[in-house]
PDB file of N, CA and C in Angstrom:
ATOM      1  N   MET A   1      -3.958  -1.269  18.691  1.00  0.00           N
ATOM      2  CA  MET A   1      -3.232  -2.445  18.253  1.00  0.00           C
ATOM      3  C   MET A   1      -2.335  -2.053  17.087  1.00  0.00           C
ATOM      4  N   SER A   2      -1.055  -2.380  17.121  1.00  0.00           N
ATOM      5  CA  SER A   2      -0.144  -2.037  16.042  1.00  0.00           C
ATOM      6  C   SER A   2      -0.250  -3.059  14.925  1.00  0.00           C
ATOM      7  N   GLU A   3       0.279  -2.696  13.726  1.00  0.00           N
ATOM      8  CA  GLU A   3       0.201  -3.603  12.587  1.00  0.00           C
ATOM      9  C   GLU A   3       0.839  -4.950  12.899  1.00  0.00           C
ATOM     10  N   SER A   4       1.905  -4.970  13.671  1.00  0.00           N
ATOM     11  CA  SER A   4       2.608  -6.218  13.959  1.00  0.00           C
ATOM     12  C   SER A   4       1.785  -7.155  14.833  1.00  0.00           C
ATOM     13  N   GLN A   5       0.712  -6.666  15.463  1.00  0.00           N
ATOM     14  CA  GLN A   5      -0.111  -7.494  16.333  1.00  0.00           C
ATOM     15  C   GLN A   5      -1.279  -8.143  15.584  1.00  0.00           C
ATOM     16  N   PHE A   6      -1.530  -7.758  14.331  1.00  0.00           N
ATOM     17  CA  PHE A   6      -2.602  -8.367  13.567  1.00  0.00           C
ATOM     18  C   PHE A   6      -2.207  -9.773  13.154  1.00  0.00           C
ATOM     19  N   VAL A   7      -3.185 -10.659  13.129  1.00  0.00           N
ATOM     20  CA  VAL A   7      -2.942 -12.045  12.742  1.00  0.00           C
ATOM     21  C   VAL A   7      -3.430 -12.228  11.306  1.00  0.00           C
ATOM     22  N   ALA A   8      -2.590 -12.821  10.483  1.00  0.00           N
ATOM     23  CA  ALA A   8      -2.962 -13.072   9.093  1.00  0.00           C
ATOM     24  C   ALA A   8      -4.008 -14.178   9.029  1.00  0.00           C
ATOM     25  N   PRO A   9      -4.941 -14.071   8.079  1.00  0.00           N
ATOM     26  CA  PRO A   9      -5.966 -15.112   7.939  1.00  0.00           C
ATOM     27  C   PRO A   9      -5.372 -16.405   7.390  1.00  0.00           C
ATOM     28  N   LEU A  10      -6.047 -17.520   7.650  1.00  0.00           N
ATOM     29  CA  LEU A  10      -5.589 -18.811   7.137  1.00  0.00           C
ATOM     30  C   LEU A  10      -5.813 -18.943   5.638  1.00  0.00           C
ATOM     31  N   ASP A  11      -6.833 -18.275   5.106  1.00  0.00           N
ATOM     32  CA  ASP A  11      -7.115 -18.291   3.669  1.00  0.00           C
ATOM     33  C   ASP A  11      -6.903 -16.887   3.121  1.00  0.00           C
ATOM     34  N   VAL A  12      -6.195 -16.787   2.010  1.00  0.00           N
ATOM     35  CA  VAL A  12      -5.975 -15.508   1.348  1.00  0.00           C
ATOM     36  C   VAL A  12      -6.179 -15.693  -0.155  1.00  0.00           C
ATOM     37  N   PHE A  13      -6.301 -14.564  -0.843  1.00  0.00           N
ATOM     38  CA  PHE A  13      -6.492 -14.570  -2.286  1.00  0.00           C
ATOM     39  C   PHE A  13      -5.399 -13.719  -2.914  1.00  0.00           C
ATOM     40  N   SER A  14      -4.955 -14.129  -4.096  1.00  0.00           N
ATOM     41  CA  SER A  14      -3.891 -13.382  -4.756  1.00  0.00           C
ATOM     42  C   SER A  14      -4.171 -13.269  -6.237  1.00  0.00           C
ATOM     43  N   LEU A  15      -3.474 -12.325  -6.870  1.00  0.00           N
ATOM     44  CA  LEU A  15      -3.466 -12.234  -8.320  1.00  0.00           C
ATOM     45  C   LEU A  15      -2.284 -13.066  -8.784  1.00  0.00           C
ATOM     46  N   VAL A  16      -2.514 -13.912  -9.768  1.00  0.00           N
ATOM     47  CA  VAL A  16      -1.466 -14.774 -10.300  1.00  0.00           C
ATOM     48  C   VAL A  16      -1.335 -14.504 -11.791  1.00  0.00           C
ATOM     49  N   LYS A  17      -0.104 -14.218 -12.215  1.00  0.00           N
ATOM     50  CA  LYS A  17       0.188 -13.982 -13.624  1.00  0.00           C
ATOM     51  C   LYS A  17       0.645 -15.291 -14.239  1.00  0.00           C
ATOM     52  N   THR A  18       0.026 -15.662 -15.372  1.00  0.00           N
ATOM     53  CA  THR A  18       0.380 -16.884 -16.078  1.00  0.00           C
ATOM     54  C   THR A  18       1.076 -16.515 -17.377  1.00  0.00           C
ATOM     55  N   THR A  19       2.201 -17.165 -17.628  1.00  0.00           N
ATOM     56  CA  THR A  19       2.915 -16.961 -18.879  1.00  0.00           C
ATOM     57  C   THR A  19       3.106 -18.311 -19.550  1.00  0.00           C
ATOM     58  N   GLY A  20       3.338 -18.280 -20.839  1.00  0.00           N
ATOM     59  CA  GLY A  20       3.518 -19.510 -21.599  1.00  0.00           C
ATOM     60  C   GLY A  20       2.294 -19.802 -22.428  1.00  0.00           C
ATOM     61  N   THR A  21       2.299 -20.937 -23.089  1.00  0.00           N
ATOM     62  CA  THR A  21       1.188 -21.319 -23.950  1.00  0.00           C
ATOM     63  C   THR A  21       0.475 -22.535 -23.375  1.00  0.00           C
ATOM     64  N   ILE A  22      -0.706 -22.757 -23.862  1.00  0.00           N
ATOM     65  CA  ILE A  22      -1.479 -23.902 -23.391  1.00  0.00           C
ATOM     66  C   ILE A  22      -0.769 -25.205 -23.750  1.00  0.00           C
ATOM     67  N   LEU A  23      -0.186 -25.273 -24.939  1.00  0.00           N
ATOM     68  CA  LEU A  23       0.475 -26.496 -25.384  1.00  0.00           C
ATOM     69  C   LEU A  23       1.904 -26.614 -24.864  1.00  0.00           C
ATOM     70  N   GLY A  24       2.511 -25.486 -24.545  1.00  0.00           N
ATOM     71  CA  GLY A  24       3.897 -25.506 -24.099  1.00  0.00           C
ATOM     72  C   GLY A  24       4.010 -25.423 -22.591  1.00  0.00           C
ATOM     73  N   ARG A  25       5.132 -24.986 -22.168  1.00  0.00           N
ATOM     74  CA  ARG A  25       5.415 -24.865 -20.745  1.00  0.00           C
ATOM     75  C   ARG A  25       4.753 -23.599 -20.195  1.00  0.00           C
ATOM     76  N   ARG A  26       4.112 -23.713 -19.031  1.00  0.00           N
ATOM     77  CA  ARG A  26       3.460 -22.568 -18.397  1.00  0.00           C
ATOM     78  C   ARG A  26       4.111 -22.306 -17.058  1.00  0.00           C
ATOM     79  N   SER A  27       4.108 -21.038 -16.679  1.00  0.00           N
ATOM     80  CA  SER A  27       4.593 -20.695 -15.343  1.00  0.00           C
ATOM     81  C   SER A  27       3.627 -19.705 -14.719  1.00  0.00           C
ATOM     82  N   HIS A  28       3.608 -19.698 -13.402  1.00  0.00           N
ATOM     83  CA  HIS A  28       2.692 -18.844 -12.660  1.00  0.00           C
ATOM     84  C   HIS A  28       3.492 -18.061 -11.638  1.00  0.00           C
ATOM     85  N   ARG A  29       3.140 -16.773 -11.494  1.00  0.00           N
ATOM     86  CA  ARG A  29       3.831 -15.918 -10.534  1.00  0.00           C
ATOM     87  C   ARG A  29       2.785 -15.175  -9.712  1.00  0.00           C
ATOM     88  N   VAL A  30       2.878 -15.307  -8.384  1.00  0.00           N
ATOM     89  CA  VAL A  30       1.977 -14.590  -7.481  1.00  0.00           C
ATOM     90  C   VAL A  30       2.405 -13.132  -7.445  1.00  0.00           C
ATOM     91  N   CYS A  31       1.432 -12.236  -7.588  1.00  0.00           N
ATOM     92  CA  CYS A  31       1.698 -10.800  -7.582  1.00  0.00           C
ATOM     93  C   CYS A  31       1.245 -10.229  -6.237  1.00  0.00           C
ATOM     94  N   PRO A  32       2.193  -9.822  -5.383  1.00  0.00           N
ATOM     95  CA  PRO A  32       1.814  -9.266  -4.078  1.00  0.00           C
ATOM     96  C   PRO A  32       1.044  -7.968  -4.248  1.00  0.00           C
ATOM     97  N   PRO A  33       0.253  -7.580  -3.262  1.00  0.00           N
ATOM     98  CA  PRO A  33       0.023  -8.205  -1.968  1.00  0.00           C
ATOM     99  C   PRO A  33      -1.036  -9.304  -2.069  1.00  0.00           C
ATOM    100  N   LEU A  34      -1.249  -9.975  -0.961  1.00  0.00           N
ATOM    101  CA  LEU A  34      -2.331 -10.940  -0.821  1.00  0.00           C
ATOM    102  C   LEU A  34      -3.543 -10.204  -0.255  1.00  0.00           C
ATOM    103  N   TYR A  35      -4.725 -10.785  -0.407  1.00  0.00           N
ATOM    104  CA  TYR A  35      -5.963 -10.140   0.054  1.00  0.00           C
ATOM    105  C   TYR A  35      -6.749 -11.089   0.949  1.00  0.00           C
ATOM    106  N   GLU A  36      -7.418 -10.514   1.936  1.00  0.00           N
ATOM    107  CA  GLU A  36      -8.228 -11.320   2.851  1.00  0.00           C
ATOM    108  C   GLU A  36      -9.472 -11.874   2.169  1.00  0.00           C
ATOM    109  N   THR A  37     -10.065 -11.118   1.238  1.00  0.00           N
ATOM    110  CA  THR A  37     -11.315 -11.558   0.610  1.00  0.00           C
ATOM    111  C   THR A  37     -11.163 -11.669  -0.902  1.00  0.00           C
ATOM    112  N   ARG A  38     -11.960 -12.547  -1.471  1.00  0.00           N
ATOM    113  CA  ARG A  38     -11.979 -12.703  -2.930  1.00  0.00           C
ATOM    114  C   ARG A  38     -12.417 -11.400  -3.597  1.00  0.00           C
ATOM    115  N   ALA A  39     -13.363 -10.690  -2.999  1.00  0.00           N
ATOM    116  CA  ALA A  39     -13.853  -9.431  -3.593  1.00  0.00           C
ATOM    117  C   ALA A  39     -12.721  -8.414  -3.741  1.00  0.00           C
ATOM    118  N   GLN A  40     -11.844  -8.326  -2.747  1.00  0.00           N
ATOM    119  CA  GLN A  40     -10.702  -7.410  -2.836  1.00  0.00           C
ATOM    120  C   GLN A  40      -9.795  -7.803  -4.000  1.00  0.00           C
ATOM    121  N   ALA A  41      -9.508  -9.093  -4.117  1.00  0.00           N
ATOM    122  CA  ALA A  41      -8.626  -9.571  -5.184  1.00  0.00           C
ATOM    123  C   ALA A  41      -9.262  -9.353  -6.554  1.00  0.00           C
ATOM    124  N   GLU A  42     -10.557  -9.574  -6.665  1.00  0.00           N
ATOM    125  CA  GLU A  42     -11.235  -9.371  -7.948  1.00  0.00           C
ATOM    126  C   GLU A  42     -11.250  -7.897  -8.341  1.00  0.00           C
ATOM    127  N   ALA A  43     -11.408  -7.004  -7.364  1.00  0.00           N
ATOM    128  CA  ALA A  43     -11.344  -5.563  -7.648  1.00  0.00           C
ATOM    129  C   ALA A  43      -9.941  -5.180  -8.123  1.00  0.00           C
ATOM    130  N   ALA A  44      -8.916  -5.730  -7.487  1.00  0.00           N
ATOM    131  CA  ALA A  44      -7.532  -5.468  -7.909  1.00  0.00           C
ATOM    132  C   ALA A  44      -7.294  -6.024  -9.310  1.00  0.00           C
ATOM    133  N   LEU A  45      -7.887  -7.174  -9.614  1.00  0.00           N
ATOM    134  CA  LEU A  45      -7.755  -7.772 -10.942  1.00  0.00           C
ATOM    135  C   LEU A  45      -8.368  -6.868 -12.006  1.00  0.00           C
ATOM    136  N   LEU A  46      -9.525  -6.311 -11.741  1.00  0.00           N
ATOM    137  CA  LEU A  46     -10.159  -5.394 -12.692  1.00  0.00           C
ATOM    138  C   LEU A  46      -9.287  -4.167 -12.933  1.00  0.00           C
ATOM    139  N   ARG A  47      -8.708  -3.610 -11.860  1.00  0.00           N
ATOM    140  CA  ARG A  47      -7.818  -2.447 -12.013  1.00  0.00           C
ATOM    141  C   ARG A  47      -6.584  -2.809 -12.828  1.00  0.00           C
ATOM    142  N   LEU A  48      -6.021  -3.975 -12.578  1.00  0.00           N
ATOM    143  CA  LEU A  48      -4.822  -4.413 -13.289  1.00  0.00           C
ATOM    144  C   LEU A  48      -5.106  -4.635 -14.764  1.00  0.00           C
ATOM    145  N   ARG A  49      -6.210  -5.286 -15.068  1.00  0.00           N
ATOM    146  CA  ARG A  49      -6.575  -5.518 -16.477  1.00  0.00           C
ATOM    147  C   ARG A  49      -6.806  -4.211 -17.211  1.00  0.00           C
ATOM    148  N   ALA A  50      -7.427  -3.242 -16.552  1.00  0.00           N
ATOM    149  CA  ALA A  50      -7.659  -1.934 -17.174  1.00  0.00           C
ATOM    150  C   ALA A  50      -6.341  -1.207 -17.412  1.00  0.00           C
ATOM    151  N   ALA A  51      -5.406  -1.350 -16.480  1.00  0.00           N
ATOM    152  CA  ALA A  51      -4.132  -0.648 -16.580  1.00  0.00           C
ATOM    153  C   ALA A  51      -3.216  -1.233 -17.644  1.00  0.00           C
ATOM    154  N   ASN A  52      -3.231  -2.566 -17.833  1.00  0.00           N
ATOM    155  CA  ASN A  52      -2.289  -3.160 -18.784  1.00  0.00           C
ATOM    156  C   ASN A  52      -2.911  -3.471 -20.136  1.00  0.00           C
ATOM    157  N   GLY A  53      -4.170  -3.153 -20.310  1.00  0.00           N
ATOM    158  CA  GLY A  53      -4.819  -3.340 -21.599  1.00  0.00           C
ATOM    159  C   GLY A  53      -5.061  -4.787 -21.986  1.00  0.00           C
ATOM    160  N   GLY A  54      -5.010  -5.684 -21.024  1.00  0.00           N
ATOM    161  CA  GLY A  54      -5.308  -7.081 -21.298  1.00  0.00           C
ATOM    162  C   GLY A  54      -4.198  -7.834 -22.008  1.00  0.00           C
ATOM    163  N   THR A  55      -2.965  -7.306 -21.959  1.00  0.00           N
ATOM    164  CA  THR A  55      -1.860  -7.970 -22.647  1.00  0.00           C
ATOM    165  C   THR A  55      -1.306  -9.157 -21.868  1.00  0.00           C
ATOM    166  N   ASP A  56      -1.557  -9.239 -20.592  1.00  0.00           N
ATOM    167  CA  ASP A  56      -1.089 -10.343 -19.762  1.00  0.00           C
ATOM    168  C   ASP A  56      -2.285 -11.119 -19.226  1.00  0.00           C
ATOM    169  N   THR A  57      -2.053 -12.372 -18.840  1.00  0.00           N
ATOM    170  CA  THR A  57      -3.110 -13.210 -18.289  1.00  0.00           C
ATOM    171  C   THR A  57      -2.969 -13.272 -16.777  1.00  0.00           C
ATOM    172  N   TYR A  58      -4.001 -12.810 -16.081  1.00  0.00           N
ATOM    173  CA  TYR A  58      -4.042 -12.837 -14.624  1.00  0.00           C
ATOM    174  C   TYR A  58      -5.318 -13.539 -14.189  1.00  0.00           C
ATOM    175  N   ASP A  59      -5.281 -14.113 -13.002  1.00  0.00           N
ATOM    176  CA  ASP A  59      -6.459 -14.731 -12.423  1.00  0.00           C
ATOM    177  C   ASP A  59      -6.358 -14.617 -10.909  1.00  0.00           C
ATOM    178  N   VAL A  60      -7.457 -14.879 -10.218  1.00  0.00           N
ATOM    179  CA  VAL A  60      -7.482 -14.863  -8.755  1.00  0.00           C
ATOM    180  C   VAL A  60      -7.368 -16.309  -8.274  1.00  0.00           C
ATOM    181  N   TRP A  61      -6.412 -16.548  -7.376  1.00  0.00           N
ATOM    182  CA  TRP A  61      -6.230 -17.866  -6.781  1.00  0.00           C
ATOM    183  C   TRP A  61      -6.417 -17.766  -5.277  1.00  0.00           C
ATOM    184  N   LYS A  62      -6.897 -18.851  -4.690  1.00  0.00           N
ATOM    185  CA  LYS A  62      -7.037 -18.939  -3.237  1.00  0.00           C
ATOM    186  C   LYS A  62      -5.875 -19.772  -2.694  1.00  0.00           C
ATOM    187  N   HIS A  63      -5.320 -19.318  -1.574  1.00  0.00           N
ATOM    188  CA  HIS A  63      -4.238 -20.035  -0.903  1.00  0.00           C
ATOM    189  C   HIS A  63      -4.670 -20.276   0.540  1.00  0.00           C
ATOM    190  N   SER A  64      -4.321 -21.430   1.075  1.00  0.00           N
ATOM    191  CA  SER A  64      -4.671 -21.772   2.458  1.00  0.00           C
ATOM    192  C   SER A  64      -3.428 -22.193   3.224  1.00  0.00           C
ATOM    193  N   ALA A  65      -3.334 -21.712   4.457  1.00  0.00           N
ATOM    194  CA  ALA A  65      -2.258 -22.128   5.351  1.00  0.00           C
ATOM    195  C   ALA A  65      -2.783 -23.263   6.213  1.00  0.00           C
ATOM    196  N   TYR A  66      -1.933 -24.197   6.504  1.00  0.00           N
ATOM    197  CA  TYR A  66      -2.363 -25.335   7.307  1.00  0.00           C
ATOM    198  C   TYR A  66      -1.684 -25.376   8.668  1.00  0.00           C
ATOM    199  N   ILE A  67      -1.049 -24.267   9.013  1.00  0.00           N
ATOM    200  CA  ILE A  67      -0.474 -24.115  10.344  1.00  0.00           C
ATOM    201  C   ILE A  67      -0.972 -22.802  10.917  1.00  0.00           C
ATOM    202  N   GLU A  68      -1.075 -22.718  12.200  1.00  0.00           N
ATOM    203  CA  GLU A  68      -1.501 -21.481  12.861  1.00  0.00           C
ATOM    204  C   GLU A  68      -0.390 -21.003  13.767  1.00  0.00           C
ATOM    205  N   PRO A  69      -0.131 -19.729  13.826  1.00  0.00           N
ATOM    206  CA  PRO A  69      -0.719 -18.681  12.994  1.00  0.00           C
ATOM    207  C   PRO A  69      -0.170 -18.755  11.574  1.00  0.00           C
ATOM    208  N   ALA A  70      -0.970 -18.289  10.635  1.00  0.00           N
ATOM    209  CA  ALA A  70      -0.569 -18.300   9.227  1.00  0.00           C
ATOM    210  C   ALA A  70       0.631 -17.377   9.031  1.00  0.00           C
ATOM    211  N   ARG A  71       1.553 -17.811   8.197  1.00  0.00           N
ATOM    212  CA  ARG A  71       2.735 -17.008   7.860  1.00  0.00           C
ATOM    213  C   ARG A  71       2.817 -16.931   6.344  1.00  0.00           C
ATOM    214  N   TRP A  72       2.673 -15.743   5.817  1.00  0.00           N
ATOM    215  CA  TRP A  72       2.689 -15.543   4.375  1.00  0.00           C
ATOM    216  C   TRP A  72       3.963 -14.806   3.973  1.00  0.00           C
ATOM    217  N   MET A  73       4.431 -15.067   2.758  1.00  0.00           N
ATOM    218  CA  MET A  73       5.654 -14.442   2.247  1.00  0.00           C
ATOM    219  C   MET A  73       5.400 -13.025   1.719  1.00  0.00           C
ATOM    220  N   SER A  74       4.157 -12.616   1.624  1.00  0.00           N
ATOM    221  CA  SER A  74       3.787 -11.277   1.165  1.00  0.00           C
ATOM    222  C   SER A  74       2.834 -10.649   2.170  1.00  0.00           C
ATOM    223  N   ASP A  75       2.755  -9.328   2.157  1.00  0.00           N
ATOM    224  CA  ASP A  75       1.805  -8.623   3.015  1.00  0.00           C
ATOM    225  C   ASP A  75       0.377  -9.028   2.659  1.00  0.00           C
ATOM    226  N   VAL A  76      -0.513  -8.991   3.664  1.00  0.00           N
ATOM    227  CA  VAL A  76      -1.927  -9.310   3.453  1.00  0.00           C
ATOM    228  C   VAL A  76      -2.746  -8.060   3.729  1.00  0.00           C
ATOM    229  N   VAL A  77      -3.542  -7.651   2.738  1.00  0.00           N
ATOM    230  CA  VAL A  77      -4.451  -6.519   2.901  1.00  0.00           C
ATOM    231  C   VAL A  77      -5.756  -7.066   3.454  1.00  0.00           C
ATOM    232  N   MET A  78      -6.103  -6.626   4.660  1.00  0.00           N
ATOM    233  CA  MET A  78      -7.326  -7.098   5.307  1.00  0.00           C
ATOM    234  C   MET A  78      -8.537  -6.364   4.732  1.00  0.00           C
ATOM    235  N   ALA A  79      -9.716  -6.896   4.971  1.00  0.00           N
ATOM    236  CA  ALA A  79     -10.953  -6.323   4.430  1.00  0.00           C
ATOM    237  C   ALA A  79     -11.168  -4.883   4.893  1.00  0.00           C
ATOM    238  N   ASP A  80     -10.690  -4.532   6.101  1.00  0.00           N
ATOM    239  CA  ASP A  80     -10.874  -3.167   6.610  1.00  0.00           C
ATOM    240  C   ASP A  80      -9.758  -2.222   6.169  1.00  0.00           C
ATOM    241  N   GLY A  81      -8.831  -2.705   5.330  1.00  0.00           N
ATOM    242  CA  GLY A  81      -7.763  -1.862   4.815  1.00  0.00           C
ATOM    243  C   GLY A  81      -6.458  -1.931   5.592  1.00  0.00           C
ATOM    244  N   THR A  82      -6.466  -2.545   6.753  1.00  0.00           N
ATOM    245  CA  THR A  82      -5.211  -2.691   7.486  1.00  0.00           C
ATOM    246  C   THR A  82      -4.322  -3.697   6.770  1.00  0.00           C
ATOM    247  N   ILE A  83      -3.033  -3.618   7.054  1.00  0.00           N
ATOM    248  CA  ILE A  83      -2.072  -4.505   6.396  1.00  0.00           C
ATOM    249  C   ILE A  83      -1.372  -5.348   7.452  1.00  0.00           C
ATOM    250  N   VAL A  84      -1.374  -6.656   7.219  1.00  0.00           N
ATOM    251  CA  VAL A  84      -0.605  -7.575   8.054  1.00  0.00           C
ATOM    252  C   VAL A  84       0.690  -7.799   7.292  1.00  0.00           C
ATOM    253  N   ARG A  85       1.787  -7.365   7.862  1.00  0.00           N
ATOM    254  CA  ARG A  85       3.096  -7.473   7.215  1.00  0.00           C
ATOM    255  C   ARG A  85       3.544  -8.928   7.145  1.00  0.00           C
ATOM    256  N   SER A  86       4.246  -9.234   6.063  1.00  0.00           N
ATOM    257  CA  SER A  86       4.753 -10.602   5.888  1.00  0.00           C
ATOM    258  C   SER A  86       5.772 -10.922   6.969  1.00  0.00           C
ATOM    259  N   ASN A  87       5.876 -12.172   7.277  1.00  0.00           N
ATOM    260  CA  ASN A  87       6.842 -12.617   8.266  1.00  0.00           C
ATOM    261  C   ASN A  87       7.530 -13.877   7.742  1.00  0.00           C
ATOM    262  N   PRO A  88       8.443 -13.683   6.791  1.00  0.00           N
ATOM    263  CA  PRO A  88       9.102 -14.826   6.147  1.00  0.00           C
ATOM    264  C   PRO A  88       9.963 -15.628   7.090  1.00  0.00           C
TER     265      PRO A  88
END
């Protein structure tokens, strides 16, 4: 089966960078890729925090698609390591 034949999951997890202050205006930016499991995203979060020294605020968010097949704007890393390419 080629990468283009894999189906993206309906639920994915991502790393989201938050900027701004609690009292002021805040913005959030999804950091690609997306992950099939929360455990994958949390492992990526630990690597990111170690690499940037904790200077930025990141968290793991869950996203759900409500149409089938799911279409995500970023690649999805599946639990087995395969990648489902985005199909914008």
